[in-house]
Structures are given as C-alpha cells and as structure tokens.
Amino acid sequence: MKFKEIAKKLAKVRDNVRSEGHITDKDKEVLQALVRDKIAHANESLEKLPKCVSGRIAIPGNDNSPLTHDQNFRLRLMEKTGTGSETIH
C-alpha cells in the first residue's frame, strides 16, 4: 500500500474522530486493517532475508597467540606517547 493511500485513510479516521468526538468501531477496523497490512508487509520483507546470516559473516576468533616483536614495539610506543594507532602505523 502506498503512502498516499495510508495518509488518506488516516486523515479520514482523524476527521471522523473530530466530528464524532470518539473513535467508532468502523474507524477501529480501518486502523486495525492498516496495521495488519503493515505487519504482513514486514513479514514478507523478513522472509526474503537469508535464513543463516552467520555463515556469511566472518566472526573473528581469539587465538591467544603472543604478540610479535613488532606488535609489542607498537603497543609500547602507543602506551608511552598516548597517540592513536593512525600515527604509529
């Protein structure tokens, strides 16, 4: 459903509430139908997504290997100078 159609329906409900002073059963049905349509549209969008996203994304692991001499030097230099890594690399 397009935005203009939704806006027209909501404007009609708003005008009915203003004229009646309360929300009628018919207006409730219109609003519930809009919500159902949006939920159905959202569910369709979710179904199009891949089922298993974790297989496509590389998750870094922690190998707990000791730092190399060069990495230790950079780390100590950064700790001593307090500079960011962009100035060290």
PDB file of N, CA and C in Angstrom:
ATOM      1  N   MET A   1       0.848  -1.164   0.000  1.00  0.00           N
ATOM      2  CA  MET A   1       0.000   0.000   0.000  1.00  0.00           C
ATOM      3  C   MET A   1       0.901   1.236   0.000  1.00  0.00           C
ATOM      4  N   LYS A   2       0.527   2.198  -0.790  1.00  0.00           N
ATOM      5  CA  LYS A   2       1.341   3.394  -0.935  1.00  0.00           C
ATOM      6  C   LYS A   2       1.085   4.374   0.204  1.00  0.00           C
ATOM      7  N   PHE A   3       2.055   5.260   0.378  1.00  0.00           N
ATOM      8  CA  PHE A   3       1.995   6.232   1.463  1.00  0.00           C
ATOM      9  C   PHE A   3       0.782   7.149   1.327  1.00  0.00           C
ATOM     10  N   LYS A   4       0.464   7.563   0.114  1.00  0.00           N
ATOM     11  CA  LYS A   4      -0.677   8.469  -0.080  1.00  0.00           C
ATOM     12  C   LYS A   4      -1.995   7.804   0.317  1.00  0.00           C
ATOM     13  N   GLU A   5      -2.131   6.529  -0.001  1.00  0.00           N
ATOM     14  CA  GLU A   5      -3.343   5.800   0.376  1.00  0.00           C
ATOM     15  C   GLU A   5      -3.467   5.704   1.895  1.00  0.00           C
ATOM     16  N   ILE A   6      -2.366   5.416   2.545  1.00  0.00           N
ATOM     17  CA  ILE A   6      -2.370   5.322   4.009  1.00  0.00           C
ATOM     18  C   ILE A   6      -2.705   6.682   4.615  1.00  0.00           C
ATOM     19  N   ALA A   7      -2.106   7.734   4.058  1.00  0.00           N
ATOM     20  CA  ALA A   7      -2.354   9.085   4.581  1.00  0.00           C
ATOM     21  C   ALA A   7      -3.822   9.471   4.417  1.00  0.00           C
ATOM     22  N   LYS A   8      -4.439   9.103   3.300  1.00  0.00           N
ATOM     23  CA  LYS A   8      -5.857   9.404   3.076  1.00  0.00           C
ATOM     24  C   LYS A   8      -6.735   8.682   4.088  1.00  0.00           C
ATOM     25  N   LYS A   9      -6.425   7.401   4.326  1.00  0.00           N
ATOM     26  CA  LYS A   9      -7.216   6.635   5.287  1.00  0.00           C
ATOM     27  C   LYS A   9      -7.070   7.201   6.697  1.00  0.00           C
ATOM     28  N   LEU A  10      -5.844   7.551   7.056  1.00  0.00           N
ATOM     29  CA  LEU A  10      -5.626   8.120   8.389  1.00  0.00           C
ATOM     30  C   LEU A  10      -6.294   9.487   8.530  1.00  0.00           C
ATOM     31  N   ALA A  11      -6.274  10.273   7.468  1.00  0.00           N
ATOM     32  CA  ALA A  11      -6.936  11.582   7.506  1.00  0.00           C
ATOM     33  C   ALA A  11      -8.441  11.415   7.663  1.00  0.00           C
ATOM     34  N   LYS A  12      -8.996  10.414   6.993  1.00  0.00           N
ATOM     35  CA  LYS A  12     -10.433  10.159   7.103  1.00  0.00           C
ATOM     36  C   LYS A  12     -10.796   9.741   8.527  1.00  0.00           C
ATOM     37  N   VAL A  13      -9.978   8.877   9.114  1.00  0.00           N
ATOM     38  CA  VAL A  13     -10.215   8.452  10.501  1.00  0.00           C
ATOM     39  C   VAL A  13     -10.102   9.653  11.435  1.00  0.00           C
ATOM     40  N   ARG A  14      -9.090  10.490  11.236  1.00  0.00           N
ATOM     41  CA  ARG A  14      -8.911  11.683  12.057  1.00  0.00           C
ATOM     42  C   ARG A  14     -10.128  12.600  11.970  1.00  0.00           C
ATOM     43  N   ASP A  15     -10.627  12.821  10.749  1.00  0.00           N
ATOM     44  CA  ASP A  15     -11.795  13.679  10.571  1.00  0.00           C
ATOM     45  C   ASP A  15     -13.035  13.088  11.228  1.00  0.00           C
ATOM     46  N   ASN A  16     -13.191  11.762  11.129  1.00  0.00           N
ATOM     47  CA  ASN A  16     -14.333  11.103  11.773  1.00  0.00           C
ATOM     48  C   ASN A  16     -14.259  11.240  13.296  1.00  0.00           C
ATOM     49  N   VAL A  17     -13.057  11.098  13.855  1.00  0.00           N
ATOM     50  CA  VAL A  17     -12.894  11.221  15.304  1.00  0.00           C
ATOM     51  C   VAL A  17     -13.200  12.648  15.740  1.00  0.00           C
ATOM     52  N   ARG A  18     -12.776  13.614  14.955  1.00  0.00           N
ATOM     53  CA  ARG A  18     -13.063  15.011  15.303  1.00  0.00           C
ATOM     54  C   ARG A  18     -14.561  15.295  15.269  1.00  0.00           C
ATOM     55  N   SER A  19     -15.229  14.774  14.252  1.00  0.00           N
ATOM     56  CA  SER A  19     -16.660  15.068  14.128  1.00  0.00           C
ATOM     57  C   SER A  19     -17.499  14.293  15.140  1.00  0.00           C
ATOM     58  N   GLU A  20     -17.120  13.046  15.425  1.00  0.00           N
ATOM     59  CA  GLU A  20     -17.884  12.214  16.348  1.00  0.00           C
ATOM     60  C   GLU A  20     -17.511  12.482  17.810  1.00  0.00           C
ATOM     61  N   GLY A  21     -16.277  12.877  18.036  1.00  0.00           N
ATOM     62  CA  GLY A  21     -15.819  13.083  19.406  1.00  0.00           C
ATOM     63  C   GLY A  21     -15.211  11.840  20.023  1.00  0.00           C
ATOM     64  N   HIS A  22     -15.274  10.715  19.320  1.00  0.00           N
ATOM     65  CA  HIS A  22     -14.660   9.465  19.785  1.00  0.00           C
ATOM     66  C   HIS A  22     -14.407   8.585  18.561  1.00  0.00           C
ATOM     67  N   ILE A  23     -13.656   7.526  18.775  1.00  0.00           N
ATOM     68  CA  ILE A  23     -13.350   6.619  17.677  1.00  0.00           C
ATOM     69  C   ILE A  23     -14.461   5.584  17.550  1.00  0.00           C
ATOM     70  N   THR A  24     -14.960   5.409  16.356  1.00  0.00           N
ATOM     71  CA  THR A  24     -16.056   4.471  16.128  1.00  0.00           C
ATOM     72  C   THR A  24     -15.499   3.088  15.819  1.00  0.00           C
ATOM     73  N   ASP A  25     -16.388   2.102  15.812  1.00  0.00           N
ATOM     74  CA  ASP A  25     -15.973   0.734  15.501  1.00  0.00           C
ATOM     75  C   ASP A  25     -15.445   0.636  14.070  1.00  0.00           C
ATOM     76  N   LYS A  26     -16.059   1.377  13.165  1.00  0.00           N
ATOM     77  CA  LYS A  26     -15.618   1.358  11.770  1.00  0.00           C
ATOM     78  C   LYS A  26     -14.193   1.915  11.652  1.00  0.00           C
ATOM     79  N   ASP A  27     -13.924   2.999  12.401  1.00  0.00           N
ATOM     80  CA  ASP A  27     -12.582   3.577  12.381  1.00  0.00           C
ATOM     81  C   ASP A  27     -11.562   2.615  12.989  1.00  0.00           C
ATOM     82  N   LYS A  28     -11.963   1.898  14.041  1.00  0.00           N
ATOM     83  CA  LYS A  28     -11.073   0.905  14.634  1.00  0.00           C
ATOM     84  C   LYS A  28     -10.726  -0.183  13.632  1.00  0.00           C
ATOM     85  N   GLU A  29     -11.721  -0.609  12.864  1.00  0.00           N
ATOM     86  CA  GLU A  29     -11.481  -1.647  11.859  1.00  0.00           C
ATOM     87  C   GLU A  29     -10.518  -1.162  10.786  1.00  0.00           C
ATOM     88  N   VAL A  30     -10.667   0.108  10.373  1.00  0.00           N
ATOM     89  CA  VAL A  30      -9.770   0.671   9.358  1.00  0.00           C
ATOM     90  C   VAL A  30      -8.340   0.703   9.892  1.00  0.00           C
ATOM     91  N   LEU A  31      -8.169   1.148  11.126  1.00  0.00           N
ATOM     92  CA  LEU A  31      -6.833   1.203  11.716  1.00  0.00           C
ATOM     93  C   LEU A  31      -6.227  -0.185  11.897  1.00  0.00           C
ATOM     94  N   GLN A  32      -7.031  -1.136  12.328  1.00  0.00           N
ATOM     95  CA  GLN A  32      -6.531  -2.498  12.502  1.00  0.00           C
ATOM     96  C   GLN A  32      -6.143  -3.113  11.165  1.00  0.00           C
ATOM     97  N   ALA A  33      -6.906  -2.804  10.107  1.00  0.00           N
ATOM     98  CA  ALA A  33      -6.566  -3.308   8.779  1.00  0.00           C
ATOM     99  C   ALA A  33      -5.237  -2.716   8.298  1.00  0.00           C
ATOM    100  N   LEU A  34      -5.014  -1.441   8.578  1.00  0.00           N
ATOM    101  CA  LEU A  34      -3.736  -0.817   8.213  1.00  0.00           C
ATOM    102  C   LEU A  34      -2.574  -1.479   8.935  1.00  0.00           C
ATOM    103  N   VAL A  35      -2.762  -1.748  10.212  1.00  0.00           N
ATOM    104  CA  VAL A  35      -1.707  -2.382  10.999  1.00  0.00           C
ATOM    105  C   VAL A  35      -1.447  -3.799  10.487  1.00  0.00           C
ATOM    106  N   ARG A  36      -2.511  -4.549  10.202  1.00  0.00           N
ATOM    107  CA  ARG A  36      -2.344  -5.910   9.677  1.00  0.00           C
ATOM    108  C   ARG A  36      -1.596  -5.895   8.350  1.00  0.00           C
ATOM    109  N   ASP A  37      -1.919  -4.935   7.480  1.00  0.00           N
ATOM    110  CA  ASP A  37      -1.238  -4.835   6.186  1.00  0.00           C
ATOM    111  C   ASP A  37       0.247  -4.542   6.367  1.00  0.00           C
ATOM    112  N   LYS A  38       0.568  -3.632   7.292  1.00  0.00           N
ATOM    113  CA  LYS A  38       1.967  -3.295   7.517  1.00  0.00           C
ATOM    114  C   LYS A  38       2.728  -4.464   8.133  1.00  0.00           C
ATOM    115  N   ILE A  39       2.090  -5.205   9.031  1.00  0.00           N
ATOM    116  CA  ILE A  39       2.744  -6.368   9.636  1.00  0.00           C
ATOM    117  C   ILE A  39       2.984  -7.442   8.581  1.00  0.00           C
ATOM    118  N   ALA A  40       1.993  -7.658   7.712  1.00  0.00           N
ATOM    119  CA  ALA A  40       2.154  -8.649   6.655  1.00  0.00           C
ATOM    120  C   ALA A  40       3.282  -8.241   5.709  1.00  0.00           C
ATOM    121  N   HIS A  41       3.351  -6.957   5.397  1.00  0.00           N
ATOM    122  CA  HIS A  41       4.424  -6.471   4.519  1.00  0.00           C
ATOM    123  C   HIS A  41       5.785  -6.655   5.185  1.00  0.00           C
ATOM    124  N   ALA A  42       5.866  -6.381   6.478  1.00  0.00           N
ATOM    125  CA  ALA A  42       7.134  -6.550   7.204  1.00  0.00           C
ATOM    126  C   ALA A  42       7.539  -8.022   7.242  1.00  0.00           C
ATOM    127  N   ASN A  43       6.574  -8.918   7.428  1.00  0.00           N
ATOM    128  CA  ASN A  43       6.881 -10.344   7.450  1.00  0.00           C
ATOM    129  C   ASN A  43       7.389 -10.816   6.095  1.00  0.00           C
ATOM    130  N   GLU A  44       6.799 -10.299   5.022  1.00  0.00           N
ATOM    131  CA  GLU A  44       7.274 -10.662   3.685  1.00  0.00           C
ATOM    132  C   GLU A  44       8.709 -10.199   3.486  1.00  0.00           C
ATOM    133  N   SER A  45       9.029  -9.018   3.972  1.00  0.00           N
ATOM    134  CA  SER A  45      10.388  -8.499   3.842  1.00  0.00           C
ATOM    135  C   SER A  45      11.369  -9.357   4.635  1.00  0.00           C
ATOM    136  N   LEU A  46      10.957  -9.804   5.818  1.00  0.00           N
ATOM    137  CA  LEU A  46      11.835 -10.633   6.633  1.00  0.00           C
ATOM    138  C   LEU A  46      12.064 -11.995   6.003  1.00  0.00           C
ATOM    139  N   GLU A  47      11.058 -12.527   5.323  1.00  0.00           N
ATOM    140  CA  GLU A  47      11.206 -13.832   4.695  1.00  0.00           C
ATOM    141  C   GLU A  47      12.185 -13.790   3.529  1.00  0.00           C
ATOM    142  N   LYS A  48      12.369 -12.632   2.933  1.00  0.00           N
ATOM    143  CA  LYS A  48      13.298 -12.507   1.813  1.00  0.00           C
ATOM    144  C   LYS A  48      14.754 -12.497   2.271  1.00  0.00           C
ATOM    145  N   LEU A  49      14.979 -12.212   3.552  1.00  0.00           N
ATOM    146  CA  LEU A  49      16.341 -12.201   4.074  1.00  0.00           C
ATOM    147  C   LEU A  49      16.885 -13.621   4.129  1.00  0.00           C
ATOM    148  N   PRO A  50      18.189 -13.768   4.017  1.00  0.00           N
ATOM    149  CA  PRO A  50      18.761 -15.110   4.128  1.00  0.00           C
ATOM    150  C   PRO A  50      18.524 -15.690   5.513  1.00  0.00           C
ATOM    151  N   LYS A  51      18.294 -16.970   5.553  1.00  0.00           N
ATOM    152  CA  LYS A  51      17.969 -17.636   6.822  1.00  0.00           C
ATOM    153  C   LYS A  51      19.184 -17.709   7.747  1.00  0.00           C
ATOM    154  N   CYS A  52      20.344 -17.948   7.181  1.00  0.00           N
ATOM    155  CA  CYS A  52      21.542 -18.098   8.004  1.00  0.00           C
ATOM    156  C   CYS A  52      22.527 -16.996   7.647  1.00  0.00           C
ATOM    157  N   VAL A  53      22.554 -15.965   8.446  1.00  0.00           N
ATOM    158  CA  VAL A  53      23.450 -14.853   8.185  1.00  0.00           C
ATOM    159  C   VAL A  53      24.832 -15.142   8.746  1.00  0.00           C
ATOM    160  N   SER A  54      24.901 -15.948   9.787  1.00  0.00           N
ATOM    161  CA  SER A  54      26.185 -16.187  10.439  1.00  0.00           C
ATOM    162  C   SER A  54      27.167 -16.917   9.533  1.00  0.00           C
ATOM    163  N   GLY A  55      26.700 -17.691   8.571  1.00  0.00           N
ATOM    164  CA  GLY A  55      27.588 -18.388   7.660  1.00  0.00           C
ATOM    165  C   GLY A  55      28.237 -17.453   6.662  1.00  0.00           C
ATOM    166  N   ARG A  56      27.669 -16.274   6.487  1.00  0.00           N
ATOM    167  CA  ARG A  56      28.197 -15.329   5.507  1.00  0.00           C
ATOM    168  C   ARG A  56      29.125 -14.298   6.125  1.00  0.00           C
ATOM    169  N   ILE A  57      29.084 -14.152   7.422  1.00  0.00           N
ATOM    170  CA  ILE A  57      29.893 -13.149   8.095  1.00  0.00           C
ATOM    171  C   ILE A  57      31.051 -13.838   8.805  1.00  0.00           C
ATOM    172  N   ALA A  58      32.244 -13.363   8.547  1.00  0.00           N
ATOM    173  CA  ALA A  58      33.412 -13.925   9.219  1.00  0.00           C
ATOM    174  C   ALA A  58      33.481 -13.358  10.632  1.00  0.00           C
ATOM    175  N   ILE A  59      33.403 -14.229  11.616  1.00  0.00           N
ATOM    176  CA  ILE A  59      33.474 -13.816  13.011  1.00  0.00           C
ATOM    177  C   ILE A  59      34.905 -14.029  13.479  1.00  0.00           C
ATOM    178  N   PRO A  60      35.565 -12.955  13.883  1.00  0.00           N
ATOM    179  CA  PRO A  60      36.965 -13.109  14.301  1.00  0.00           C
ATOM    180  C   PRO A  60      37.068 -13.926  15.580  1.00  0.00           C
ATOM    181  N   GLY A  61      38.054 -14.742  15.614  1.00  0.00           N
ATOM    182  CA  GLY A  61      38.271 -15.562  16.797  1.00  0.00           C
ATOM    183  C   GLY A  61      39.427 -15.026  17.620  1.00  0.00           C
ATOM    184  N   ASN A  62      39.602 -15.589  18.773  1.00  0.00           N
ATOM    185  CA  ASN A  62      40.696 -15.202  19.644  1.00  0.00           C
ATOM    186  C   ASN A  62      41.645 -16.382  19.734  1.00  0.00           C
ATOM    187  N   ASP A  63      42.797 -16.248  19.081  1.00  0.00           N
ATOM    188  CA  ASP A  63      43.729 -17.373  19.063  1.00  0.00           C
ATOM    189  C   ASP A  63      44.696 -17.357  20.246  1.00  0.00           C
ATOM    190  N   ASN A  64      44.670 -16.282  21.030  1.00  0.00           N
ATOM    191  CA  ASN A  64      45.513 -16.161  22.224  1.00  0.00           C
ATOM    192  C   ASN A  64      46.996 -16.362  21.932  1.00  0.00           C
ATOM    193  N   SER A  65      47.421 -16.013  20.740  1.00  0.00           N
ATOM    194  CA  SER A  65      48.844 -16.129  20.421  1.00  0.00           C
ATOM    195  C   SER A  65      49.576 -14.900  20.945  1.00  0.00           C
ATOM    196  N   PRO A  66      50.787 -15.058  21.345  1.00  0.00           N
ATOM    197  CA  PRO A  66      51.540 -13.909  21.857  1.00  0.00           C
ATOM    198  C   PRO A  66      51.817 -12.906  20.742  1.00  0.00           C
ATOM    199  N   LEU A  67      51.995 -11.654  21.146  1.00  0.00           N
ATOM    200  CA  LEU A  67      52.262 -10.599  20.172  1.00  0.00           C
ATOM    201  C   LEU A  67      53.659 -10.754  19.595  1.00  0.00           C
ATOM    202  N   THR A  68      53.800 -10.354  18.352  1.00  0.00           N
ATOM    203  CA  THR A  68      55.122 -10.388  17.735  1.00  0.00           C
ATOM    204  C   THR A  68      55.957  -9.238  18.290  1.00  0.00           C
ATOM    205  N   HIS A  69      57.254  -9.277  17.950  1.00  0.00           N
ATOM    206  CA  HIS A  69      58.148  -8.217  18.420  1.00  0.00           C
ATOM    207  C   HIS A  69      57.691  -6.855  17.898  1.00  0.00           C
ATOM    208  N   ASP A  70      57.287  -6.804  16.651  1.00  0.00           N
ATOM    209  CA  ASP A  70      56.834  -5.543  16.051  1.00  0.00           C
ATOM    210  C   ASP A  70      55.544  -5.052  16.718  1.00  0.00           C
ATOM    211  N   GLN A  71      54.627  -5.967  17.015  1.00  0.00           N
ATOM    212  CA  GLN A  71      53.381  -5.579  17.674  1.00  0.00           C
ATOM    213  C   GLN A  71      53.641  -5.074  19.088  1.00  0.00           C
ATOM    214  N   ASN A  72      54.559  -5.720  19.798  1.00  0.00           N
ATOM    215  CA  ASN A  72      54.924  -5.263  21.141  1.00  0.00           C
ATOM    216  C   ASN A  72      55.534  -3.869  21.098  1.00  0.00           C
ATOM    217  N   PHE A  73      56.405  -3.631  20.089  1.00  0.00           N
ATOM    218  CA  PHE A  73      57.029  -2.322  19.949  1.00  0.00           C
ATOM    219  C   PHE A  73      55.962  -1.242  19.720  1.00  0.00           C
ATOM    220  N   ARG A  74      55.012  -1.501  18.811  1.00  0.00           N
ATOM    221  CA  ARG A  74      53.947  -0.527  18.522  1.00  0.00           C
ATOM    222  C   ARG A  74      53.074  -0.281  19.754  1.00  0.00           C
ATOM    223  N   LEU A  75      52.767  -1.339  20.481  1.00  0.00           N
ATOM    224  CA  LEU A  75      51.930  -1.211  21.667  1.00  0.00           C
ATOM    225  C   LEU A  75      52.637  -0.370  22.734  1.00  0.00           C
ATOM    226  N   ARG A  76      53.917  -0.645  22.976  1.00  0.00           N
ATOM    227  CA  ARG A  76      54.658   0.133  23.967  1.00  0.00           C
ATOM    228  C   ARG A  76      54.788   1.591  23.540  1.00  0.00           C
ATOM    229  N   LEU A  77      55.013   1.817  22.252  1.00  0.00           N
ATOM    230  CA  LEU A  77      55.131   3.176  21.745  1.00  0.00           C
ATOM    231  C   LEU A  77      53.830   3.943  21.933  1.00  0.00           C
ATOM    232  N   MET A  78      52.722   3.289  21.654  1.00  0.00           N
ATOM    233  CA  MET A  78      51.420   3.937  21.808  1.00  0.00           C
ATOM    234  C   MET A  78      51.128   4.205  23.279  1.00  0.00           C
ATOM    235  N   GLU A  79      51.469   3.274  24.154  1.00  0.00           N
ATOM    236  CA  GLU A  79      51.238   3.483  25.582  1.00  0.00           C
ATOM    237  C   GLU A  79      52.077   4.636  26.124  1.00  0.00           C
ATOM    238  N   LYS A  80      53.310   4.752  25.648  1.00  0.00           N
ATOM    239  CA  LYS A  80      54.201   5.800  26.150  1.00  0.00           C
ATOM    240  C   LYS A  80      53.809   7.175  25.617  1.00  0.00           C
ATOM    241  N   THR A  81      53.444   7.247  24.332  1.00  0.00           N
ATOM    242  CA  THR A  81      53.162   8.554  23.728  1.00  0.00           C
ATOM    243  C   THR A  81      51.712   8.961  23.864  1.00  0.00           C
ATOM    244  N   GLY A  82      50.821   7.994  24.067  1.00  0.00           N
ATOM    245  CA  GLY A  82      49.411   8.301  24.186  1.00  0.00           C
ATOM    246  C   GLY A  82      48.778   8.712  22.869  1.00  0.00           C
ATOM    247  N   THR A  83      49.380   8.308  21.778  1.00  0.00           N
ATOM    248  CA  THR A  83      48.854   8.681  20.455  1.00  0.00           C
ATOM    249  C   THR A  83      47.961   7.573  19.926  1.00  0.00           C
ATOM    250  N   GLY A  84      47.185   7.904  18.908  1.00  0.00           N
ATOM    251  CA  GLY A  84      46.322   6.916  18.282  1.00  0.00           C
ATOM    252  C   GLY A  84      47.098   6.016  17.343  1.00  0.00           C
ATOM    253  N   SER A  85      46.503   4.940  16.929  1.00  0.00           N
ATOM    254  CA  SER A  85      47.193   3.974  16.104  1.00  0.00           C
ATOM    255  C   SER A  85      47.479   4.501  14.710  1.00  0.00           C
ATOM    256  N   GLU A  86      46.761   5.501  14.252  1.00  0.00           N
ATOM    257  CA  GLU A  86      46.991   6.001  12.907  1.00  0.00           C
ATOM    258  C   GLU A  86      48.350   6.678  12.784  1.00  0.00           C
ATOM    259  N   THR A  87      48.870   7.215  13.882  1.00  0.00           N
ATOM    260  CA  THR A  87      50.182   7.865  13.813  1.00  0.00           C
ATOM    261  C   THR A  87      51.298   6.856  13.969  1.00  0.00           C
ATOM    262  N   ILE A  88      51.007   5.679  14.485  1.00  0.00           N
ATOM    263  CA  ILE A  88      52.057   4.664  14.692  1.00  0.00           C
ATOM    264  C   ILE A  88      52.225   3.809  13.446  1.00  0.00           C
ATOM    265  N   HIS A  89      51.144   3.466  12.795  1.00  0.00           N
ATOM    266  CA  HIS A  89      51.231   2.546  11.650  1.00  0.00           C
ATOM    267  C   HIS A  89      51.743   3.246  10.469  1.00  0.00           C
TER     268      HIS A  89
END
